[in-house]
Amino acid sequence: STTAEEAAAAMQGVCQDESHVMLSLLRMHGIPC
């Protein structure tokens, strides 16, 4: 249940967390992902 924001604040986690962080950053630029 860890969110992208929580993973970004800690900057650590596993593949699910890194993928969620990447999704969030890409969507902030309007990139479908």
PDB file of all heavy atoms in Angstrom:
ATOM      1  N   SER A   1       0.813  -1.227   0.000  1.00  0.00           N
ATOM      2  CA  SER A   1       0.000   0.000   0.000  1.00  0.00           C
ATOM      3  C   SER A   1       0.842   1.272   0.000  1.00  0.00           C
ATOM      4  O   SER A   1       0.293   2.382   0.041  1.00  0.00           O
ATOM      5  CB  SER A   1      -0.930   0.005   1.213  1.00  0.00           C
ATOM      6  OG  SER A   1      -0.191  -0.016   2.420  1.00  0.00           O
ATOM      7  N   THR A   2       2.174   1.161  -0.075  1.00  0.00           N
ATOM      8  CA  THR A   2       3.039   2.339  -0.099  1.00  0.00           C
ATOM      9  C   THR A   2       2.804   3.135  -1.380  1.00  0.00           C
ATOM     10  O   THR A   2       2.829   2.589  -2.482  1.00  0.00           O
ATOM     11  CB  THR A   2       4.510   1.936  -0.012  1.00  0.00           C
ATOM     12  OG1 THR A   2       4.741   1.208   1.198  1.00  0.00           O
ATOM     13  CG2 THR A   2       5.430   3.151  -0.039  1.00  0.00           C
ATOM     14  N   THR A   3       2.592   4.423  -1.245  1.00  0.00           N
ATOM     15  CA  THR A   3       2.334   5.269  -2.409  1.00  0.00           C
ATOM     16  C   THR A   3       3.647   5.754  -3.027  1.00  0.00           C
ATOM     17  O   THR A   3       4.718   5.683  -2.425  1.00  0.00           O
ATOM     18  CB  THR A   3       1.489   6.486  -2.019  1.00  0.00           C
ATOM     19  OG1 THR A   3       2.261   7.329  -1.148  1.00  0.00           O
ATOM     20  CG2 THR A   3       0.203   6.062  -1.329  1.00  0.00           C
ATOM     21  N   ALA A   4       3.529   6.307  -4.232  1.00  0.00           N
ATOM     22  CA  ALA A   4       4.693   6.885  -4.893  1.00  0.00           C
ATOM     23  C   ALA A   4       5.264   8.040  -4.078  1.00  0.00           C
ATOM     24  O   ALA A   4       6.486   8.199  -3.975  1.00  0.00           O
ATOM     25  CB  ALA A   4       4.310   7.362  -6.292  1.00  0.00           C
ATOM     26  N   GLU A   5       4.401   8.857  -3.489  1.00  0.00           N
ATOM     27  CA  GLU A   5       4.862   9.987  -2.679  1.00  0.00           C
ATOM     28  C   GLU A   5       5.642   9.498  -1.461  1.00  0.00           C
ATOM     29  O   GLU A   5       6.703  10.052  -1.124  1.00  0.00           O
ATOM     30  CB  GLU A   5       3.674  10.835  -2.242  1.00  0.00           C
ATOM     31  CG  GLU A   5       4.015  11.978  -1.295  1.00  0.00           C
ATOM     32  CD  GLU A   5       4.916  13.040  -1.907  1.00  0.00           C
ATOM     33  OE1 GLU A   5       5.019  13.105  -3.160  1.00  0.00           O
ATOM     34  OE2 GLU A   5       5.508  13.815  -1.135  1.00  0.00           O
ATOM     35  N   GLU A   6       5.156   8.461  -0.802  1.00  0.00           N
ATOM     36  CA  GLU A   6       5.860   7.915   0.357  1.00  0.00           C
ATOM     37  C   GLU A   6       7.202   7.318  -0.044  1.00  0.00           C
ATOM     38  O   GLU A   6       8.210   7.501   0.654  1.00  0.00           O
ATOM     39  CB  GLU A   6       4.990   6.863   1.039  1.00  0.00           C
ATOM     40  CG  GLU A   6       3.760   7.437   1.712  1.00  0.00           C
ATOM     41  CD  GLU A   6       2.741   6.393   2.118  1.00  0.00           C
ATOM     42  OE1 GLU A   6       2.774   5.275   1.558  1.00  0.00           O
ATOM     43  OE2 GLU A   6       1.913   6.678   3.003  1.00  0.00           O
ATOM     44  N   ALA A   7       7.245   6.610  -1.178  1.00  0.00           N
ATOM     45  CA  ALA A   7       8.503   6.042  -1.655  1.00  0.00           C
ATOM     46  C   ALA A   7       9.481   7.140  -2.068  1.00  0.00           C
ATOM     47  O   ALA A   7      10.687   7.042  -1.826  1.00  0.00           O
ATOM     48  CB  ALA A   7       8.243   5.098  -2.824  1.00  0.00           C
ATOM     49  N   ALA A   8       8.967   8.210  -2.668  1.00  0.00           N
ATOM     50  CA  ALA A   8       9.827   9.315  -3.085  1.00  0.00           C
ATOM     51  C   ALA A   8      10.401  10.055  -1.877  1.00  0.00           C
ATOM     52  O   ALA A   8      11.539  10.538  -1.921  1.00  0.00           O
ATOM     53  CB  ALA A   8       9.047  10.283  -3.967  1.00  0.00           C
ATOM     54  N   ALA A   9       9.620  10.156  -0.812  1.00  0.00           N
ATOM     55  CA  ALA A   9      10.111  10.830   0.399  1.00  0.00           C
ATOM     56  C   ALA A   9      11.254  10.052   1.032  1.00  0.00           C
ATOM     57  O   ALA A   9      12.225  10.635   1.532  1.00  0.00           O
ATOM     58  CB  ALA A   9       8.972  11.006   1.405  1.00  0.00           C
ATOM     59  N   ALA A  10      11.172   8.714   0.989  1.00  0.00           N
ATOM     60  CA  ALA A  10      12.223   7.872   1.570  1.00  0.00           C
ATOM     61  C   ALA A  10      13.331   7.569   0.568  1.00  0.00           C
ATOM     62  O   ALA A  10      14.460   7.271   0.956  1.00  0.00           O
ATOM     63  CB  ALA A  10      11.616   6.562   2.078  1.00  0.00           C
ATOM     64  N   MET A  11      13.009   7.616  -0.721  1.00  0.00           N
ATOM     65  CA  MET A  11      13.912   7.264  -1.823  1.00  0.00           C
ATOM     66  C   MET A  11      14.525   5.873  -1.620  1.00  0.00           C
ATOM     67  O   MET A  11      15.709   5.652  -1.859  1.00  0.00           O
ATOM     68  CB  MET A  11      15.002   8.323  -2.003  1.00  0.00           C
ATOM     69  CG  MET A  11      14.500   9.595  -2.677  1.00  0.00           C
ATOM     70  SD  MET A  11      13.581   9.299  -4.226  1.00  0.00           S
ATOM     71  CE  MET A  11      14.927   8.915  -5.345  1.00  0.00           C
ATOM     72  N   GLN A  12      13.687   4.960  -1.195  1.00  0.00           N
ATOM     73  CA  GLN A  12      14.082   3.562  -1.100  1.00  0.00           C
ATOM     74  C   GLN A  12      12.831   2.689  -1.160  1.00  0.00           C
ATOM     75  O   GLN A  12      11.725   3.145  -0.892  1.00  0.00           O
ATOM     76  CB  GLN A  12      14.865   3.299   0.179  1.00  0.00           C
ATOM     77  CG  GLN A  12      14.164   3.665   1.462  1.00  0.00           C
ATOM     78  CD  GLN A  12      15.040   3.412   2.677  1.00  0.00           C
ATOM     79  OE1 GLN A  12      16.014   2.667   2.616  1.00  0.00           O
ATOM     80  NE2 GLN A  12      14.698   4.035   3.794  1.00  0.00           N
ATOM     81  N   GLY A  13      13.031   1.436  -1.551  1.00  0.00           N
ATOM     82  CA  GLY A  13      11.917   0.517  -1.698  1.00  0.00           C
ATOM     83  C   GLY A  13      12.265  -0.552  -2.710  1.00  0.00           C
ATOM     84  O   GLY A  13      13.442  -0.840  -2.956  1.00  0.00           O
ATOM     85  N   VAL A  14      11.232  -1.150  -3.316  1.00  0.00           N
ATOM     86  CA  VAL A  14      11.434  -2.251  -4.257  1.00  0.00           C
ATOM     87  C   VAL A  14      10.893  -1.849  -5.628  1.00  0.00           C
ATOM     88  O   VAL A  14      10.561  -0.686  -5.863  1.00  0.00           O
ATOM     89  CB  VAL A  14      10.761  -3.540  -3.738  1.00  0.00           C
ATOM     90  CG1 VAL A  14      11.450  -4.029  -2.475  1.00  0.00           C
ATOM     91  CG2 VAL A  14       9.268  -3.309  -3.476  1.00  0.00           C
ATOM     92  N   CYS A  15      10.802  -2.832  -6.535  1.00  0.00           N
ATOM     93  CA  CYS A  15      10.446  -2.520  -7.917  1.00  0.00           C
ATOM     94  C   CYS A  15       9.069  -1.871  -8.040  1.00  0.00           C
ATOM     95  O   CYS A  15       8.875  -0.983  -8.876  1.00  0.00           O
ATOM     96  CB  CYS A  15      10.536  -3.770  -8.788  1.00  0.00           C
ATOM     97  SG  CYS A  15       9.497  -5.158  -8.264  1.00  0.00           S
ATOM     98  N   GLN A  16       8.115  -2.292  -7.212  1.00  0.00           N
ATOM     99  CA  GLN A  16       6.796  -1.663  -7.250  1.00  0.00           C
ATOM    100  C   GLN A  16       6.900  -0.173  -6.925  1.00  0.00           C
ATOM    101  O   GLN A  16       6.272   0.664  -7.583  1.00  0.00           O
ATOM    102  CB  GLN A  16       5.846  -2.341  -6.271  1.00  0.00           C
ATOM    103  CG  GLN A  16       4.502  -1.626  -6.141  1.00  0.00           C
ATOM    104  CD  GLN A  16       3.520  -2.331  -5.235  1.00  0.00           C
ATOM    105  OE1 GLN A  16       3.215  -3.490  -5.446  1.00  0.00           O
ATOM    106  NE2 GLN A  16       3.025  -1.640  -4.206  1.00  0.00           N
ATOM    107  N   ASP A  17       7.711   0.166  -5.933  1.00  0.00           N
ATOM    108  CA  ASP A  17       7.850   1.566  -5.512  1.00  0.00           C
ATOM    109  C   ASP A  17       8.528   2.412  -6.587  1.00  0.00           C
ATOM    110  O   ASP A  17       8.069   3.519  -6.894  1.00  0.00           O
ATOM    111  CB  ASP A  17       8.643   1.630  -4.208  1.00  0.00           C
ATOM    112  CG  ASP A  17       8.019   0.787  -3.110  1.00  0.00           C
ATOM    113  OD1 ASP A  17       6.844   1.017  -2.791  1.00  0.00           O
ATOM    114  OD2 ASP A  17       8.694  -0.118  -2.597  1.00  0.00           O
ATOM    115  N   GLU A  18       9.613   1.904  -7.147  1.00  0.00           N
ATOM    116  CA  GLU A  18      10.302   2.660  -8.201  1.00  0.00           C
ATOM    117  C   GLU A  18       9.389   2.865  -9.404  1.00  0.00           C
ATOM    118  O   GLU A  18       9.387   3.939 -10.025  1.00  0.00           O
ATOM    119  CB  GLU A  18      11.590   1.952  -8.617  1.00  0.00           C
ATOM    120  CG  GLU A  18      12.730   2.168  -7.654  1.00  0.00           C
ATOM    121  CD  GLU A  18      14.084   1.889  -8.283  1.00  0.00           C
ATOM    122  OE1 GLU A  18      14.553   2.693  -9.118  1.00  0.00           O
ATOM    123  OE2 GLU A  18      14.689   0.857  -7.929  1.00  0.00           O
ATOM    124  N   SER A  19       8.624   1.836  -9.743  1.00  0.00           N
ATOM    125  CA  SER A  19       7.710   1.966 -10.883  1.00  0.00           C
ATOM    126  C   SER A  19       6.635   3.007 -10.593  1.00  0.00           C
ATOM    127  O   SER A  19       6.285   3.813 -11.468  1.00  0.00           O
ATOM    128  CB  SER A  19       7.077   0.607 -11.194  1.00  0.00           C
ATOM    129  OG  SER A  19       8.061  -0.314 -11.627  1.00  0.00           O
ATOM    130  N   HIS A  20       6.106   3.029  -9.373  1.00  0.00           N
ATOM    131  CA  HIS A  20       5.101   4.034  -9.027  1.00  0.00           C
ATOM    132  C   HIS A  20       5.684   5.447  -9.068  1.00  0.00           C
ATOM    133  O   HIS A  20       5.021   6.389  -9.541  1.00  0.00           O
ATOM    134  CB  HIS A  20       4.523   3.743  -7.639  1.00  0.00           C
ATOM    135  CG  HIS A  20       3.481   2.672  -7.644  1.00  0.00           C
ATOM    136  ND1 HIS A  20       3.169   1.939  -6.535  1.00  0.00           N
ATOM    137  CD2 HIS A  20       2.683   2.204  -8.636  1.00  0.00           C
ATOM    138  CE1 HIS A  20       2.210   1.068  -6.844  1.00  0.00           C
ATOM    139  NE2 HIS A  20       1.910   1.215  -8.112  1.00  0.00           N
ATOM    140  N   VAL A  21       6.906   5.613  -8.586  1.00  0.00           N
ATOM    141  CA  VAL A  21       7.554   6.926  -8.653  1.00  0.00           C
ATOM    142  C   VAL A  21       7.717   7.355 -10.109  1.00  0.00           C
ATOM    143  O   VAL A  21       7.436   8.513 -10.472  1.00  0.00           O
ATOM    144  CB  VAL A  21       8.914   6.901  -7.933  1.00  0.00           C
ATOM    145  CG1 VAL A  21       9.698   8.188  -8.215  1.00  0.00           C
ATOM    146  CG2 VAL A  21       8.721   6.732  -6.426  1.00  0.00           C
ATOM    147  N   MET A  22       8.139   6.430 -10.949  1.00  0.00           N
ATOM    148  CA  MET A  22       8.326   6.755 -12.363  1.00  0.00           C
ATOM    149  C   MET A  22       6.995   7.110 -13.018  1.00  0.00           C
ATOM    150  O   MET A  22       6.913   8.097 -13.781  1.00  0.00           O
ATOM    151  CB  MET A  22       8.979   5.588 -13.096  1.00  0.00           C
ATOM    152  CG  MET A  22       9.290   5.892 -14.549  1.00  0.00           C
ATOM    153  SD  MET A  22      10.314   4.610 -15.308  1.00  0.00           S
ATOM    154  CE  MET A  22      11.338   5.636 -16.374  1.00  0.00           C
ATOM    155  N   LEU A  23       5.947   6.352 -12.736  1.00  0.00           N
ATOM    156  CA  LEU A  23       4.629   6.667 -13.284  1.00  0.00           C
ATOM    157  C   LEU A  23       4.205   8.082 -12.900  1.00  0.00           C
ATOM    158  O   LEU A  23       3.707   8.845 -13.739  1.00  0.00           O
ATOM    159  CB  LEU A  23       3.595   5.670 -12.768  1.00  0.00           C
ATOM    160  CG  LEU A  23       3.673   4.228 -13.261  1.00  0.00           C
ATOM    161  CD1 LEU A  23       2.669   3.359 -12.507  1.00  0.00           C
ATOM    162  CD2 LEU A  23       3.436   4.137 -14.760  1.00  0.00           C
ATOM    163  N   SER A  24       4.391   8.429 -11.633  1.00  0.00           N
ATOM    164  CA  SER A  24       3.962   9.744 -11.167  1.00  0.00           C
ATOM    165  C   SER A  24       4.714  10.855 -11.895  1.00  0.00           C
ATOM    166  O   SER A  24       4.109  11.839 -12.348  1.00  0.00           O
ATOM    167  CB  SER A  24       4.183   9.859  -9.654  1.00  0.00           C
ATOM    168  OG  SER A  24       3.692  11.089  -9.175  1.00  0.00           O
ATOM    169  N   LEU A  25       6.034  10.707 -12.018  1.00  0.00           N
ATOM    170  CA  LEU A  25       6.831  11.747 -12.670  1.00  0.00           C
ATOM    171  C   LEU A  25       6.476  11.879 -14.153  1.00  0.00           C
ATOM    172  O   LEU A  25       6.384  12.996 -14.689  1.00  0.00           O
ATOM    173  CB  LEU A  25       8.321  11.437 -12.498  1.00  0.00           C
ATOM    174  CG  LEU A  25       8.853  11.574 -11.065  1.00  0.00           C
ATOM    175  CD1 LEU A  25      10.274  11.024 -10.964  1.00  0.00           C
ATOM    176  CD2 LEU A  25       8.820  13.039 -10.613  1.00  0.00           C
ATOM    177  N   LEU A  26       6.273  10.760 -14.839  1.00  0.00           N
ATOM    178  CA  LEU A  26       5.900  10.830 -16.251  1.00  0.00           C
ATOM    179  C   LEU A  26       4.535  11.486 -16.421  1.00  0.00           C
ATOM    180  O   LEU A  26       4.339  12.319 -17.318  1.00  0.00           O
ATOM    181  CB  LEU A  26       5.888   9.425 -16.869  1.00  0.00           C
ATOM    182  CG  LEU A  26       7.230   8.704 -16.969  1.00  0.00           C
ATOM    183  CD1 LEU A  26       7.042   7.327 -17.609  1.00  0.00           C
ATOM    184  CD2 LEU A  26       8.242   9.512 -17.772  1.00  0.00           C
ATOM    185  N   ARG A  27       3.584  11.132 -15.555  1.00  0.00           N
ATOM    186  CA  ARG A  27       2.244  11.716 -15.666  1.00  0.00           C
ATOM    187  C   ARG A  27       2.240  13.204 -15.349  1.00  0.00           C
ATOM    188  O   ARG A  27       1.385  13.942 -15.850  1.00  0.00           O
ATOM    189  CB  ARG A  27       1.279  10.956 -14.753  1.00  0.00           C
ATOM    190  CG  ARG A  27       0.962   9.568 -15.282  1.00  0.00           C
ATOM    191  CD  ARG A  27       0.207   8.712 -14.298  1.00  0.00           C
ATOM    192  NE  ARG A  27      -0.012   7.374 -14.851  1.00  0.00           N
ATOM    193  CZ  ARG A  27      -0.425   6.316 -14.150  1.00  0.00           C
ATOM    194  NH1 ARG A  27      -0.680   6.465 -12.845  1.00  0.00           N
ATOM    195  NH2 ARG A  27      -0.587   5.146 -14.735  1.00  0.00           N
ATOM    196  N   MET A  28       3.179  13.644 -14.531  1.00  0.00           N
ATOM    197  CA  MET A  28       3.278  15.078 -14.259  1.00  0.00           C
ATOM    198  C   MET A  28       3.619  15.853 -15.524  1.00  0.00           C
ATOM    199  O   MET A  28       3.378  17.071 -15.604  1.00  0.00           O
ATOM    200  CB  MET A  28       4.319  15.329 -13.163  1.00  0.00           C
ATOM    201  CG  MET A  28       3.875  14.840 -11.787  1.00  0.00           C
ATOM    202  SD  MET A  28       5.195  14.862 -10.555  1.00  0.00           S
ATOM    203  CE  MET A  28       5.361  16.614 -10.281  1.00  0.00           C
ATOM    204  N   HIS A  29       4.166  15.159 -16.518  1.00  0.00           N
ATOM    205  CA  HIS A  29       4.503  15.784 -17.801  1.00  0.00           C
ATOM    206  C   HIS A  29       3.516  15.395 -18.899  1.00  0.00           C
ATOM    207  O   HIS A  29       3.783  15.635 -20.082  1.00  0.00           O
ATOM    208  CB  HIS A  29       5.928  15.402 -18.208  1.00  0.00           C
ATOM    209  CG  HIS A  29       6.976  16.027 -17.339  1.00  0.00           C
ATOM    210  ND1 HIS A  29       7.607  17.214 -17.656  1.00  0.00           N
ATOM    211  CD2 HIS A  29       7.485  15.640 -16.141  1.00  0.00           C
ATOM    212  CE1 HIS A  29       8.468  17.527 -16.700  1.00  0.00           C
ATOM    213  NE2 HIS A  29       8.407  16.592 -15.778  1.00  0.00           N
ATOM    214  N   GLY A  30       2.405  14.801 -18.512  1.00  0.00           N
ATOM    215  CA  GLY A  30       1.370  14.453 -19.480  1.00  0.00           C
ATOM    216  C   GLY A  30       1.695  13.248 -20.340  1.00  0.00           C
ATOM    217  O   GLY A  30       1.069  13.050 -21.385  1.00  0.00           O
ATOM    218  N   ILE A  31       2.670  12.433 -19.923  1.00  0.00           N
ATOM    219  CA  ILE A  31       3.072  11.264 -20.709  1.00  0.00           C
ATOM    220  C   ILE A  31       2.225  10.063 -20.298  1.00  0.00           C
ATOM    221  O   ILE A  31       2.254   9.656 -19.134  1.00  0.00           O
ATOM    222  CB  ILE A  31       4.561  10.951 -20.502  1.00  0.00           C
ATOM    223  CG1 ILE A  31       5.419  12.135 -20.975  1.00  0.00           C
ATOM    224  CG2 ILE A  31       4.957   9.680 -21.247  1.00  0.00           C
ATOM    225  CD1 ILE A  31       6.898  11.986 -20.671  1.00  0.00           C
ATOM    226  N   PRO A  32       1.462   9.451 -21.200  1.00  0.00           N
ATOM    227  CA  PRO A  32       0.676   8.264 -20.850  1.00  0.00           C
ATOM    228  C   PRO A  32       1.617   7.104 -20.497  1.00  0.00           C
ATOM    229  O   PRO A  32       2.567   6.819 -21.231  1.00  0.00           O
ATOM    230  CB  PRO A  32      -0.116   7.957 -22.127  1.00  0.00           C
ATOM    231  CG  PRO A  32      -0.010   9.191 -22.974  1.00  0.00           C
ATOM    232  CD  PRO A  32       1.290   9.836 -22.617  1.00  0.00           C
ATOM    233  N   CYS A  33       1.346   6.452 -19.396  1.00  0.00           N
ATOM    234  CA  CYS A  33       2.230   5.362 -18.961  1.00  0.00           C
ATOM    235  C   CYS A  33       1.444   4.371 -18.126  1.00  0.00           C
ATOM    236  O   CYS A  33       0.404   4.705 -17.558  1.00  0.00           O
ATOM    237  CB  CYS A  33       3.423   5.905 -18.171  1.00  0.00           C
ATOM    238  SG  CYS A  33       2.985   7.034 -16.823  1.00  0.00           S
TER     239      CYS A  33
END
